[in-house]
């Protein structure tokens, strides 16, 4: 893509470049007024986008079906409006029903959505032997199975870690440390990828490299 020449396009890329430098100035120097301005702009824009999306979703999911004759949608609308009674000392008790319903529904959704992919599927994949695989696939299969058992034994608090449990729990701790290290490494790589992308954007704004 060629370097933009229109006024609004130029203004947009330069504002993005300046805000990028302002955000990273916190790490390069210290907290400064330029960083705080960029931070406030980011929070304000994010809050505005979330507000617009929330209004559009409410109208699309609840209000429009209600106007079309689906009267059952009056229930979530009333529960949602009931949450705003928390600002009234006289009618604050109404918000407790809305909040309790929201917490109960979210707990059921999270539990049902977490149980299958994070527990059942993980157990099935751990105990299912690879078919038609090479040597490394079998090595990974036994390593994951053995490491999972040792990691679970590390969190066994009903018995003292003596005898066979002692070396198994130590191996489990090492497996957990390796897993946490991999997660931390992935996080660092993700942050570095974001940083390299913003540096590339700044170089493009300055015209050093093409868009």
N, C-alpha and C. Protein backbone atom coordinates (compact mmCIF):
# COMPACT_ATOMS: atom_id res chain seq x y z
N UNK A 1 0.84 -1.19 0.00
CA UNK A 1 0.00 0.00 0.00
C UNK A 1 0.88 1.24 0.00
N UNK A 2 0.53 2.20 -0.83
CA UNK A 2 1.31 3.42 -0.93
C UNK A 2 1.07 4.31 0.29
N UNK A 3 2.01 5.19 0.53
CA UNK A 3 1.89 6.12 1.65
C UNK A 3 0.70 7.03 1.41
N UNK A 4 -0.22 7.16 2.38
CA UNK A 4 -1.44 7.95 2.14
C UNK A 4 -1.11 9.43 1.94
N UNK A 5 -1.92 10.08 1.15
CA UNK A 5 -1.74 11.50 0.86
C UNK A 5 -2.94 12.34 1.31
N UNK A 6 -4.08 11.73 1.59
CA UNK A 6 -5.23 12.49 2.05
C UNK A 6 -5.01 12.98 3.48
N UNK A 7 -5.65 14.10 3.79
CA UNK A 7 -5.43 14.75 5.08
C UNK A 7 -5.83 13.85 6.24
N UNK A 8 -7.04 13.29 6.20
CA UNK A 8 -7.53 12.50 7.31
C UNK A 8 -6.75 11.20 7.46
N UNK A 9 -6.31 10.63 6.35
CA UNK A 9 -5.50 9.42 6.42
C UNK A 9 -4.14 9.72 7.05
N UNK A 10 -3.54 10.85 6.64
CA UNK A 10 -2.26 11.25 7.24
C UNK A 10 -2.43 11.56 8.72
N UNK A 11 -3.51 12.26 9.05
CA UNK A 11 -3.74 12.58 10.45
C UNK A 11 -3.91 11.32 11.28
N UNK A 12 -4.62 10.34 10.73
CA UNK A 12 -4.85 9.10 11.46
C UNK A 12 -3.57 8.33 11.75
N UNK A 13 -2.72 8.18 10.75
CA UNK A 13 -1.49 7.40 10.97
C UNK A 13 -0.52 8.15 11.87
N UNK A 14 -0.47 9.48 11.78
CA UNK A 14 0.43 10.22 12.65
C UNK A 14 -0.07 10.24 14.09
N UNK A 15 -1.37 10.33 14.28
CA UNK A 15 -1.91 10.25 15.64
C UNK A 15 -1.61 8.87 16.23
N UNK A 16 -1.79 7.81 15.42
CA UNK A 16 -1.46 6.48 15.90
C UNK A 16 0.01 6.34 16.25
N UNK A 17 0.89 6.92 15.43
CA UNK A 17 2.32 6.85 15.72
C UNK A 17 2.69 7.60 16.98
N UNK A 18 2.13 8.81 17.15
CA UNK A 18 2.44 9.61 18.34
C UNK A 18 1.92 8.93 19.60
N UNK A 19 0.71 8.36 19.54
CA UNK A 19 0.16 7.67 20.70
C UNK A 19 0.96 6.40 21.03
N UNK A 20 1.47 5.74 20.01
CA UNK A 20 2.31 4.56 20.25
C UNK A 20 3.58 4.94 21.00
N UNK A 21 4.25 6.00 20.54
CA UNK A 21 5.45 6.48 21.23
C UNK A 21 5.13 6.93 22.65
N UNK A 22 3.96 7.57 22.81
CA UNK A 22 3.57 8.05 24.14
C UNK A 22 3.35 6.89 25.10
N UNK A 23 2.72 5.81 24.64
CA UNK A 23 2.49 4.66 25.51
C UNK A 23 3.80 4.01 25.92
N UNK A 24 4.71 3.82 24.96
CA UNK A 24 5.98 3.16 25.27
C UNK A 24 6.97 4.08 25.97
N UNK A 25 6.66 5.37 26.07
CA UNK A 25 7.55 6.28 26.79
C UNK A 25 7.59 5.95 28.28
N UNK A 26 6.57 5.27 28.77
CA UNK A 26 6.56 4.87 30.18
C UNK A 26 7.70 3.90 30.48
N UNK A 27 7.95 2.97 29.55
CA UNK A 27 9.03 2.00 29.75
C UNK A 27 10.39 2.61 29.44
N UNK A 28 10.44 3.48 28.44
CA UNK A 28 11.72 4.05 28.03
C UNK A 28 12.20 5.15 28.97
N UNK A 29 11.27 5.85 29.60
CA UNK A 29 11.66 6.96 30.47
C UNK A 29 11.05 6.78 31.85
N UNK A 30 9.87 7.25 32.06
CA UNK A 30 9.11 7.07 33.29
C UNK A 30 7.70 7.60 33.03
N UNK A 31 6.87 7.56 34.04
CA UNK A 31 5.52 8.10 33.86
C UNK A 31 5.59 9.61 33.63
N UNK A 32 4.96 10.05 32.56
CA UNK A 32 5.04 11.45 32.15
C UNK A 32 3.68 11.92 31.65
N UNK A 33 3.49 13.23 31.49
CA UNK A 33 2.19 13.73 31.03
C UNK A 33 1.76 13.17 29.68
N UNK A 34 2.70 12.95 28.76
CA UNK A 34 2.36 12.42 27.45
C UNK A 34 1.79 11.00 27.57
N UNK A 35 2.40 10.21 28.43
CA UNK A 35 1.90 8.85 28.66
C UNK A 35 0.51 8.87 29.27
N UNK A 36 0.29 9.76 30.24
CA UNK A 36 -1.01 9.83 30.89
C UNK A 36 -2.10 10.28 29.92
N UNK A 37 -1.78 11.21 29.02
CA UNK A 37 -2.75 11.64 28.01
C UNK A 37 -3.13 10.47 27.11
N UNK A 38 -2.10 9.73 26.64
CA UNK A 38 -2.37 8.58 25.77
C UNK A 38 -3.16 7.51 26.52
N UNK A 39 -2.85 7.31 27.79
CA UNK A 39 -3.57 6.32 28.59
C UNK A 39 -5.04 6.70 28.73
N UNK A 40 -5.31 7.96 29.02
CA UNK A 40 -6.68 8.42 29.18
C UNK A 40 -7.44 8.34 27.86
N UNK A 41 -6.79 8.66 26.76
CA UNK A 41 -7.44 8.55 25.45
C UNK A 41 -7.81 7.11 25.15
N UNK A 42 -6.88 6.19 25.44
CA UNK A 42 -7.14 4.77 25.19
C UNK A 42 -8.31 4.26 26.03
N UNK A 43 -8.31 4.60 27.32
CA UNK A 43 -9.38 4.14 28.20
C UNK A 43 -10.72 4.75 27.77
N UNK A 44 -10.71 6.02 27.40
CA UNK A 44 -11.95 6.66 26.97
C UNK A 44 -12.51 6.03 25.71
N UNK A 45 -11.64 5.77 24.73
CA UNK A 45 -12.11 5.15 23.48
C UNK A 45 -12.61 3.73 23.73
N UNK A 46 -11.86 2.98 24.54
CA UNK A 46 -12.29 1.60 24.84
C UNK A 46 -13.63 1.59 25.56
N UNK A 47 -13.81 2.52 26.50
CA UNK A 47 -15.08 2.59 27.23
C UNK A 47 -16.22 2.98 26.29
N UNK A 48 -15.96 3.91 25.38
CA UNK A 48 -16.99 4.32 24.43
C UNK A 48 -17.38 3.18 23.51
N UNK A 49 -16.39 2.43 23.02
CA UNK A 49 -16.69 1.30 22.13
C UNK A 49 -17.50 0.24 22.88
N UNK A 50 -17.11 -0.06 24.11
CA UNK A 50 -17.84 -1.05 24.90
C UNK A 50 -19.28 -0.59 25.16
N UNK A 51 -19.46 0.71 25.38
CA UNK A 51 -20.81 1.21 25.60
C UNK A 51 -21.68 1.08 24.37
N UNK A 52 -21.11 1.43 23.20
CA UNK A 52 -21.87 1.31 21.94
C UNK A 52 -22.20 -0.15 21.65
N UNK A 53 -21.23 -1.03 21.84
CA UNK A 53 -21.46 -2.46 21.59
C UNK A 53 -22.52 -3.00 22.55
N UNK A 54 -22.49 -2.58 23.81
CA UNK A 54 -23.48 -3.06 24.78
C UNK A 54 -24.88 -2.61 24.40
N UNK A 55 -25.02 -1.35 23.97
CA UNK A 55 -26.34 -0.86 23.57
C UNK A 55 -26.84 -1.60 22.34
N UNK A 56 -25.97 -1.79 21.36
CA UNK A 56 -26.37 -2.50 20.14
C UNK A 56 -26.75 -3.95 20.44
N UNK A 57 -25.98 -4.62 21.30
CA UNK A 57 -26.31 -6.01 21.66
C UNK A 57 -27.62 -6.10 22.41
N UNK A 58 -27.86 -5.14 23.32
CA UNK A 58 -29.12 -5.15 24.06
C UNK A 58 -30.30 -4.96 23.12
N UNK A 59 -30.16 -4.05 22.17
CA UNK A 59 -31.25 -3.82 21.22
C UNK A 59 -31.45 -5.02 20.31
N UNK A 60 -30.34 -5.64 19.88
CA UNK A 60 -30.45 -6.76 18.94
C UNK A 60 -30.92 -8.04 19.64
N UNK A 61 -30.43 -8.30 20.85
CA UNK A 61 -30.71 -9.56 21.51
C UNK A 61 -32.03 -9.54 22.28
N UNK A 62 -32.36 -8.40 22.89
CA UNK A 62 -33.52 -8.36 23.79
C UNK A 62 -34.66 -7.48 23.29
N UNK A 63 -34.35 -6.22 22.95
CA UNK A 63 -35.43 -5.28 22.64
C UNK A 63 -36.12 -5.62 21.33
N UNK A 64 -35.36 -5.88 20.28
CA UNK A 64 -35.99 -6.21 18.98
C UNK A 64 -36.85 -7.47 19.06
N UNK A 65 -36.36 -8.58 19.66
CA UNK A 65 -37.26 -9.74 19.80
C UNK A 65 -38.50 -9.44 20.64
N UNK A 66 -38.37 -8.58 21.66
CA UNK A 66 -39.53 -8.22 22.48
C UNK A 66 -40.56 -7.46 21.65
N UNK A 67 -40.09 -6.52 20.83
CA UNK A 67 -41.01 -5.76 19.98
C UNK A 67 -41.65 -6.64 18.91
N UNK A 68 -40.98 -7.74 18.57
CA UNK A 68 -41.55 -8.66 17.58
C UNK A 68 -42.55 -9.65 18.18
N UNK A 69 -42.77 -9.58 19.48
CA UNK A 69 -43.78 -10.42 20.11
C UNK A 69 -43.26 -11.48 21.05
N UNK A 70 -41.94 -11.62 21.19
CA UNK A 70 -41.38 -12.60 22.13
C UNK A 70 -41.36 -12.00 23.54
N UNK A 71 -42.46 -12.16 24.23
CA UNK A 71 -42.62 -11.51 25.53
C UNK A 71 -41.70 -12.07 26.60
N UNK A 72 -41.12 -13.25 26.37
CA UNK A 72 -40.25 -13.82 27.38
C UNK A 72 -39.00 -12.96 27.61
N UNK A 73 -38.65 -12.13 26.62
CA UNK A 73 -37.46 -11.29 26.75
C UNK A 73 -37.68 -10.14 27.73
N UNK A 74 -38.90 -9.97 28.22
CA UNK A 74 -39.13 -8.95 29.24
C UNK A 74 -38.43 -9.30 30.54
N UNK A 75 -38.18 -10.61 30.76
CA UNK A 75 -37.53 -11.05 32.00
C UNK A 75 -36.08 -10.56 32.09
N UNK A 76 -35.23 -10.81 31.08
CA UNK A 76 -33.86 -10.28 31.22
C UNK A 76 -33.81 -8.76 31.21
N UNK A 77 -34.75 -8.11 30.51
CA UNK A 77 -34.75 -6.65 30.51
C UNK A 77 -35.06 -6.12 31.91
N UNK A 78 -36.06 -6.70 32.58
CA UNK A 78 -36.40 -6.27 33.93
C UNK A 78 -35.26 -6.57 34.91
N UNK A 79 -34.60 -7.74 34.73
CA UNK A 79 -33.47 -8.07 35.60
C UNK A 79 -32.32 -7.09 35.38
N UNK A 80 -32.09 -6.71 34.12
CA UNK A 80 -31.04 -5.74 33.84
C UNK A 80 -31.34 -4.38 34.42
N UNK A 81 -32.59 -3.93 34.29
CA UNK A 81 -32.98 -2.65 34.88
C UNK A 81 -32.93 -2.70 36.40
N UNK A 82 -33.20 -3.89 36.95
CA UNK A 82 -33.15 -4.02 38.41
C UNK A 82 -31.77 -3.81 38.98
N UNK A 83 -30.74 -4.06 38.21
CA UNK A 83 -29.37 -3.87 38.70
C UNK A 83 -29.07 -2.40 38.97
N UNK A 84 -29.77 -1.48 38.28
CA UNK A 84 -29.51 -0.06 38.48
C UNK A 84 -30.13 0.45 39.78
N UNK A 85 -30.97 -0.35 40.43
CA UNK A 85 -31.50 0.08 41.72
C UNK A 85 -30.45 0.05 42.82
N UNK A 86 -29.26 -0.44 42.50
CA UNK A 86 -28.17 -0.45 43.49
C UNK A 86 -27.78 0.98 43.87
N UNK A 87 -28.10 1.95 43.02
CA UNK A 87 -27.77 3.34 43.32
C UNK A 87 -28.81 4.00 44.22
N UNK A 88 -29.89 3.30 44.51
CA UNK A 88 -30.94 3.83 45.38
C UNK A 88 -30.91 3.10 46.72
N UNK A 89 -30.80 3.85 47.80
CA UNK A 89 -30.76 3.22 49.12
C UNK A 89 -32.09 2.60 49.50
N UNK A 90 -33.19 3.10 48.93
CA UNK A 90 -34.51 2.59 49.28
C UNK A 90 -34.84 1.31 48.55
N UNK A 91 -34.44 1.23 47.27
CA UNK A 91 -34.79 0.06 46.44
C UNK A 91 -33.57 -0.79 46.10
N UNK A 92 -32.53 -0.68 46.87
CA UNK A 92 -31.31 -1.43 46.58
C UNK A 92 -31.53 -2.93 46.68
N UNK A 93 -32.49 -3.37 47.46
CA UNK A 93 -32.74 -4.79 47.64
C UNK A 93 -33.16 -5.46 46.33
N UNK A 94 -33.73 -4.68 45.40
CA UNK A 94 -34.15 -5.26 44.12
C UNK A 94 -32.94 -5.74 43.33
N UNK A 95 -31.84 -5.01 43.42
CA UNK A 95 -30.64 -5.37 42.64
C UNK A 95 -30.07 -6.71 43.08
N UNK A 96 -30.35 -7.15 44.30
CA UNK A 96 -29.80 -8.42 44.77
C UNK A 96 -30.35 -9.58 43.95
N UNK A 97 -31.60 -9.52 43.57
CA UNK A 97 -32.17 -10.58 42.75
C UNK A 97 -31.53 -10.61 41.36
N UNK A 98 -31.31 -9.45 40.79
CA UNK A 98 -30.68 -9.38 39.46
C UNK A 98 -29.25 -9.88 39.51
N UNK A 99 -28.50 -9.44 40.52
CA UNK A 99 -27.10 -9.85 40.64
C UNK A 99 -27.01 -11.35 40.94
N UNK A 100 -27.90 -11.87 41.79
CA UNK A 100 -27.88 -13.30 42.10
C UNK A 100 -28.20 -14.13 40.87
N UNK A 101 -29.16 -13.67 40.07
CA UNK A 101 -29.49 -14.38 38.83
C UNK A 101 -28.32 -14.36 37.86
N UNK A 102 -27.68 -13.19 37.72
CA UNK A 102 -26.54 -13.08 36.81
C UNK A 102 -25.39 -13.98 37.25
N UNK A 103 -25.08 -13.98 38.54
CA UNK A 103 -23.99 -14.82 39.04
C UNK A 103 -24.30 -16.29 38.84
N UNK A 104 -25.54 -16.69 39.11
CA UNK A 104 -25.92 -18.09 38.94
C UNK A 104 -25.84 -18.54 37.50
N UNK A 105 -26.34 -17.71 36.58
CA UNK A 105 -26.30 -18.07 35.15
C UNK A 105 -24.87 -18.12 34.66
N UNK A 106 -24.06 -17.13 35.01
CA UNK A 106 -22.67 -17.11 34.56
C UNK A 106 -21.89 -18.28 35.14
N UNK A 107 -22.17 -18.65 36.39
CA UNK A 107 -21.49 -19.80 36.98
C UNK A 107 -21.85 -21.08 36.24
N UNK A 108 -23.12 -21.22 35.87
CA UNK A 108 -23.53 -22.42 35.13
C UNK A 108 -22.90 -22.45 33.74
N UNK A 109 -22.85 -21.28 33.07
CA UNK A 109 -22.27 -21.23 31.74
C UNK A 109 -20.78 -21.52 31.78
N UNK A 110 -20.07 -20.90 32.73
CA UNK A 110 -18.62 -21.11 32.84
C UNK A 110 -18.32 -22.55 33.21
N UNK A 111 -19.10 -23.12 34.14
CA UNK A 111 -18.85 -24.50 34.55
C UNK A 111 -19.08 -25.47 33.40
N UNK A 112 -20.20 -25.30 32.70
CA UNK A 112 -20.47 -26.20 31.57
C UNK A 112 -19.49 -26.01 30.44
N UNK A 113 -19.03 -24.77 30.24
CA UNK A 113 -18.07 -24.53 29.17
C UNK A 113 -16.66 -24.92 29.51
N UNK A 114 -16.37 -25.04 30.81
CA UNK A 114 -15.02 -25.40 31.24
C UNK A 114 -14.87 -26.90 31.46
N UNK A 115 -15.93 -27.55 31.87
CA UNK A 115 -15.85 -28.97 32.23
C UNK A 115 -15.42 -29.84 31.05
N UNK A 116 -16.06 -29.63 29.90
CA UNK A 116 -15.77 -30.50 28.75
C UNK A 116 -14.40 -30.22 28.14
N UNK A 117 -14.09 -28.97 27.73
CA UNK A 117 -12.79 -28.77 27.06
C UNK A 117 -11.59 -28.83 27.98
N UNK A 118 -11.71 -28.36 29.22
CA UNK A 118 -10.55 -28.27 30.10
C UNK A 118 -10.34 -29.48 30.99
N UNK A 119 -11.35 -30.32 31.16
CA UNK A 119 -11.20 -31.49 32.04
C UNK A 119 -11.43 -32.78 31.27
N UNK A 120 -12.64 -32.94 30.74
CA UNK A 120 -12.98 -34.22 30.09
C UNK A 120 -12.12 -34.44 28.86
N UNK A 121 -12.04 -33.44 27.98
CA UNK A 121 -11.24 -33.61 26.76
C UNK A 121 -9.76 -33.77 27.07
N UNK A 122 -9.28 -33.08 28.11
CA UNK A 122 -7.88 -33.22 28.48
C UNK A 122 -7.58 -34.63 29.00
N UNK A 123 -8.49 -35.17 29.80
CA UNK A 123 -8.31 -36.53 30.30
C UNK A 123 -8.35 -37.54 29.16
N UNK A 124 -9.29 -37.37 28.25
CA UNK A 124 -9.39 -38.28 27.11
C UNK A 124 -8.14 -38.23 26.24
N UNK A 125 -7.64 -37.04 25.97
CA UNK A 125 -6.44 -36.93 25.13
C UNK A 125 -5.20 -37.46 25.84
N UNK A 126 -5.19 -37.39 27.18
CA UNK A 126 -4.03 -37.88 27.93
C UNK A 126 -3.98 -39.40 27.95
N UNK A 127 -5.13 -40.06 28.05
CA UNK A 127 -5.14 -41.51 28.17
C UNK A 127 -5.33 -42.21 26.83
N UNK A 128 -5.55 -41.46 25.75
CA UNK A 128 -5.73 -42.06 24.43
C UNK A 128 -4.37 -42.21 23.75
N UNK A 129 -3.98 -43.42 23.47
CA UNK A 129 -2.67 -43.67 22.85
C UNK A 129 -2.69 -43.25 21.40
N UNK A 130 -1.57 -42.72 20.90
CA UNK A 130 -1.51 -42.34 19.48
C UNK A 130 -1.52 -43.56 18.58
N UNK A 131 -2.19 -43.42 17.46
CA UNK A 131 -2.27 -44.52 16.50
C UNK A 131 -1.48 -44.17 15.24
N UNK A 132 -0.65 -45.10 14.81
CA UNK A 132 0.15 -44.87 13.61
C UNK A 132 1.13 -43.74 13.75
N UNK A 133 1.63 -43.50 14.98
CA UNK A 133 2.54 -42.39 15.23
C UNK A 133 3.97 -42.87 15.29
N UNK A 134 4.88 -41.91 15.22
CA UNK A 134 6.30 -42.22 15.29
C UNK A 134 6.80 -42.28 16.72
N UNK A 135 8.11 -42.34 16.85
CA UNK A 135 8.73 -42.49 18.16
C UNK A 135 8.47 -41.28 19.05
N UNK A 136 8.60 -40.07 18.50
CA UNK A 136 8.44 -38.87 19.31
C UNK A 136 7.01 -38.72 19.81
N UNK A 137 6.04 -39.15 19.01
CA UNK A 137 4.65 -39.07 19.47
C UNK A 137 4.43 -39.97 20.68
N UNK A 138 5.05 -41.16 20.68
CA UNK A 138 4.93 -42.06 21.83
C UNK A 138 5.69 -41.49 23.03
N UNK A 139 6.84 -40.87 22.79
CA UNK A 139 7.58 -40.25 23.88
C UNK A 139 6.75 -39.14 24.51
N UNK A 140 6.13 -38.31 23.68
CA UNK A 140 5.28 -37.24 24.20
C UNK A 140 4.08 -37.80 24.96
N UNK A 141 3.51 -38.90 24.46
CA UNK A 141 2.36 -39.50 25.12
C UNK A 141 2.71 -39.97 26.53
N UNK A 142 3.82 -40.70 26.66
CA UNK A 142 4.21 -41.18 27.99
C UNK A 142 4.67 -40.03 28.89
N UNK A 143 5.33 -39.05 28.31
CA UNK A 143 5.79 -37.92 29.11
C UNK A 143 4.61 -37.13 29.67
N UNK A 144 3.61 -36.85 28.83
CA UNK A 144 2.44 -36.10 29.28
C UNK A 144 1.65 -36.89 30.31
N UNK A 145 1.48 -38.20 30.06
CA UNK A 145 0.75 -39.02 31.02
C UNK A 145 1.45 -39.10 32.36
N UNK A 146 2.75 -39.39 32.33
CA UNK A 146 3.52 -39.49 33.58
C UNK A 146 3.58 -38.14 34.28
N UNK A 147 3.79 -37.07 33.51
CA UNK A 147 3.86 -35.74 34.11
C UNK A 147 2.54 -35.30 34.71
N UNK A 148 1.43 -35.65 34.06
CA UNK A 148 0.12 -35.30 34.60
C UNK A 148 -0.14 -36.00 35.92
N UNK A 149 0.18 -37.28 36.00
CA UNK A 149 -0.02 -38.03 37.25
C UNK A 149 0.82 -37.45 38.37
N UNK A 150 2.09 -37.14 38.08
CA UNK A 150 2.97 -36.58 39.11
C UNK A 150 2.51 -35.19 39.53
N UNK A 151 2.03 -34.38 38.57
CA UNK A 151 1.55 -33.04 38.92
C UNK A 151 0.31 -33.11 39.80
N UNK A 152 -0.57 -34.08 39.54
CA UNK A 152 -1.75 -34.26 40.40
C UNK A 152 -1.34 -34.73 41.79
N UNK A 153 -0.36 -35.63 41.86
CA UNK A 153 0.10 -36.11 43.17
C UNK A 153 0.75 -35.00 43.98
N UNK A 154 1.31 -34.01 43.31
CA UNK A 154 1.92 -32.89 44.03
C UNK A 154 0.88 -32.13 44.84
N UNK A 155 -0.37 -32.10 44.36
CA UNK A 155 -1.45 -31.40 45.06
C UNK A 155 -2.25 -32.33 45.96
N UNK A 156 -1.71 -33.51 46.25
CA UNK A 156 -2.36 -34.43 47.16
C UNK A 156 -1.98 -34.05 48.59
N UNK A 157 -2.93 -33.46 49.32
CA UNK A 157 -2.65 -32.96 50.66
C UNK A 157 -3.24 -33.84 51.75
N UNK A 158 -3.91 -34.92 51.39
CA UNK A 158 -4.50 -35.79 52.40
C UNK A 158 -3.50 -36.77 53.00
N UNK A 159 -2.34 -36.93 52.37
CA UNK A 159 -1.30 -37.81 52.90
C UNK A 159 0.04 -37.08 52.83
N UNK A 160 0.91 -37.39 53.76
CA UNK A 160 2.23 -36.80 53.76
C UNK A 160 3.04 -37.36 52.60
N UNK A 161 3.83 -36.49 51.97
CA UNK A 161 4.61 -36.89 50.81
C UNK A 161 5.87 -37.64 51.27
N UNK A 162 5.66 -38.91 51.59
CA UNK A 162 6.76 -39.78 51.98
C UNK A 162 6.69 -41.05 51.14
N UNK A 163 7.77 -41.78 51.12
CA UNK A 163 7.81 -43.02 50.36
C UNK A 163 7.76 -42.75 48.87
N UNK A 164 6.85 -43.42 48.17
CA UNK A 164 6.73 -43.26 46.72
C UNK A 164 6.22 -41.87 46.36
N UNK A 165 5.39 -41.30 47.23
CA UNK A 165 4.83 -39.98 46.93
C UNK A 165 5.89 -38.88 46.92
N UNK A 166 6.97 -39.07 47.65
CA UNK A 166 7.97 -38.01 47.74
C UNK A 166 8.65 -37.74 46.40
N UNK A 167 9.25 -38.76 45.73
CA UNK A 167 9.86 -38.48 44.42
C UNK A 167 8.82 -38.12 43.37
N UNK A 168 7.62 -38.72 43.46
CA UNK A 168 6.59 -38.41 42.46
C UNK A 168 6.15 -36.95 42.58
N UNK A 169 5.97 -36.46 43.81
CA UNK A 169 5.57 -35.07 43.99
C UNK A 169 6.66 -34.10 43.55
N UNK A 170 7.92 -34.49 43.75
CA UNK A 170 9.02 -33.63 43.29
C UNK A 170 9.06 -33.56 41.77
N UNK A 171 8.85 -34.70 41.12
CA UNK A 171 8.77 -34.68 39.66
C UNK A 171 7.58 -33.84 39.20
N UNK A 172 6.45 -33.96 39.91
CA UNK A 172 5.28 -33.15 39.57
C UNK A 172 5.56 -31.67 39.70
N UNK A 173 6.32 -31.29 40.72
CA UNK A 173 6.67 -29.88 40.87
C UNK A 173 7.53 -29.40 39.72
N UNK A 174 8.48 -30.25 39.29
CA UNK A 174 9.31 -29.88 38.14
C UNK A 174 8.48 -29.75 36.87
N UNK A 175 7.51 -30.65 36.69
CA UNK A 175 6.64 -30.57 35.52
C UNK A 175 5.83 -29.28 35.54
N UNK A 176 5.32 -28.92 36.71
CA UNK A 176 4.57 -27.68 36.84
C UNK A 176 5.44 -26.48 36.53
N UNK A 177 6.68 -26.49 37.02
CA UNK A 177 7.60 -25.38 36.76
C UNK A 177 7.90 -25.27 35.28
N UNK A 178 8.07 -26.42 34.60
CA UNK A 178 8.30 -26.39 33.15
C UNK A 178 7.09 -25.81 32.43
N UNK A 179 5.88 -26.24 32.85
CA UNK A 179 4.67 -25.70 32.22
C UNK A 179 4.52 -24.21 32.42
N UNK A 180 4.77 -23.73 33.65
CA UNK A 180 4.69 -22.30 33.91
C UNK A 180 5.75 -21.54 33.13
N UNK A 181 6.94 -22.14 32.99
CA UNK A 181 7.98 -21.48 32.20
C UNK A 181 7.60 -21.35 30.74
N UNK A 182 6.97 -22.39 30.20
CA UNK A 182 6.51 -22.33 28.81
C UNK A 182 5.44 -21.27 28.65
N UNK A 183 4.50 -21.19 29.60
CA UNK A 183 3.46 -20.17 29.53
C UNK A 183 4.06 -18.77 29.60
N UNK A 184 5.04 -18.58 30.49
CA UNK A 184 5.70 -17.28 30.59
C UNK A 184 6.45 -16.94 29.31
N UNK A 185 7.12 -17.95 28.74
CA UNK A 185 7.83 -17.72 27.48
C UNK A 185 6.89 -17.34 26.35
N UNK A 186 5.73 -17.99 26.29
CA UNK A 186 4.75 -17.63 25.26
C UNK A 186 4.23 -16.21 25.47
N UNK A 187 4.05 -15.82 26.74
CA UNK A 187 3.61 -14.46 27.02
C UNK A 187 4.64 -13.43 26.58
N UNK A 188 5.92 -13.71 26.87
CA UNK A 188 6.99 -12.79 26.46
C UNK A 188 7.05 -12.70 24.94
N UNK A 189 6.96 -13.84 24.25
CA UNK A 189 7.01 -13.82 22.79
C UNK A 189 5.83 -13.04 22.22
N UNK A 190 4.65 -13.19 22.83
CA UNK A 190 3.48 -12.44 22.37
C UNK A 190 3.69 -10.94 22.55
N UNK A 191 4.24 -10.54 23.69
CA UNK A 191 4.50 -9.11 23.92
C UNK A 191 5.56 -8.59 22.96
N UNK A 192 6.58 -9.38 22.69
CA UNK A 192 7.61 -8.95 21.75
C UNK A 192 7.04 -8.84 20.34
N UNK A 193 6.12 -9.73 19.98
CA UNK A 193 5.48 -9.63 18.68
C UNK A 193 4.66 -8.35 18.57
N UNK A 194 3.96 -7.99 19.65
CA UNK A 194 3.22 -6.73 19.66
C UNK A 194 4.17 -5.54 19.54
N UNK A 195 5.29 -5.60 20.26
CA UNK A 195 6.26 -4.50 20.19
C UNK A 195 6.85 -4.36 18.80
N UNK A 196 7.22 -5.48 18.18
CA UNK A 196 7.78 -5.41 16.83
C UNK A 196 6.76 -4.87 15.83
N UNK A 197 5.48 -5.21 16.03
CA UNK A 197 4.45 -4.68 15.15
C UNK A 197 4.30 -3.18 15.28
N UNK A 198 4.37 -2.67 16.52
CA UNK A 198 4.25 -1.22 16.70
C UNK A 198 5.50 -0.50 16.19
N UNK A 199 6.68 -1.10 16.36
CA UNK A 199 7.90 -0.48 15.81
C UNK A 199 7.81 -0.43 14.28
N UNK A 200 7.33 -1.50 13.67
CA UNK A 200 7.14 -1.50 12.22
C UNK A 200 6.16 -0.40 11.81
N UNK A 201 5.10 -0.21 12.58
CA UNK A 201 4.13 0.84 12.26
C UNK A 201 4.77 2.22 12.35
N UNK A 202 5.59 2.46 13.38
CA UNK A 202 6.25 3.76 13.52
C UNK A 202 7.20 4.01 12.35
N UNK A 203 7.94 2.97 11.95
CA UNK A 203 8.84 3.12 10.80
C UNK A 203 8.07 3.40 9.52
N UNK A 204 6.88 2.82 9.40
CA UNK A 204 6.05 3.09 8.23
C UNK A 204 5.53 4.52 8.25
N UNK A 205 5.16 5.02 9.43
CA UNK A 205 4.67 6.39 9.54
C UNK A 205 5.78 7.37 9.18
N UNK A 206 6.99 7.08 9.60
CA UNK A 206 8.13 7.96 9.28
C UNK A 206 8.60 7.81 7.85
N UNK A 207 8.05 6.86 7.11
CA UNK A 207 8.43 6.67 5.73
C UNK A 207 9.73 5.92 5.53
N UNK A 208 10.23 5.29 6.59
CA UNK A 208 11.49 4.56 6.48
C UNK A 208 11.28 3.24 5.73
N UNK A 209 10.17 2.59 6.01
CA UNK A 209 9.81 1.36 5.28
C UNK A 209 8.43 1.56 4.68
N UNK A 210 8.12 0.89 3.58
CA UNK A 210 6.81 1.08 2.93
C UNK A 210 5.69 0.43 3.72
N UNK A 211 4.47 0.92 3.50
CA UNK A 211 3.29 0.33 4.10
C UNK A 211 3.01 -1.03 3.46
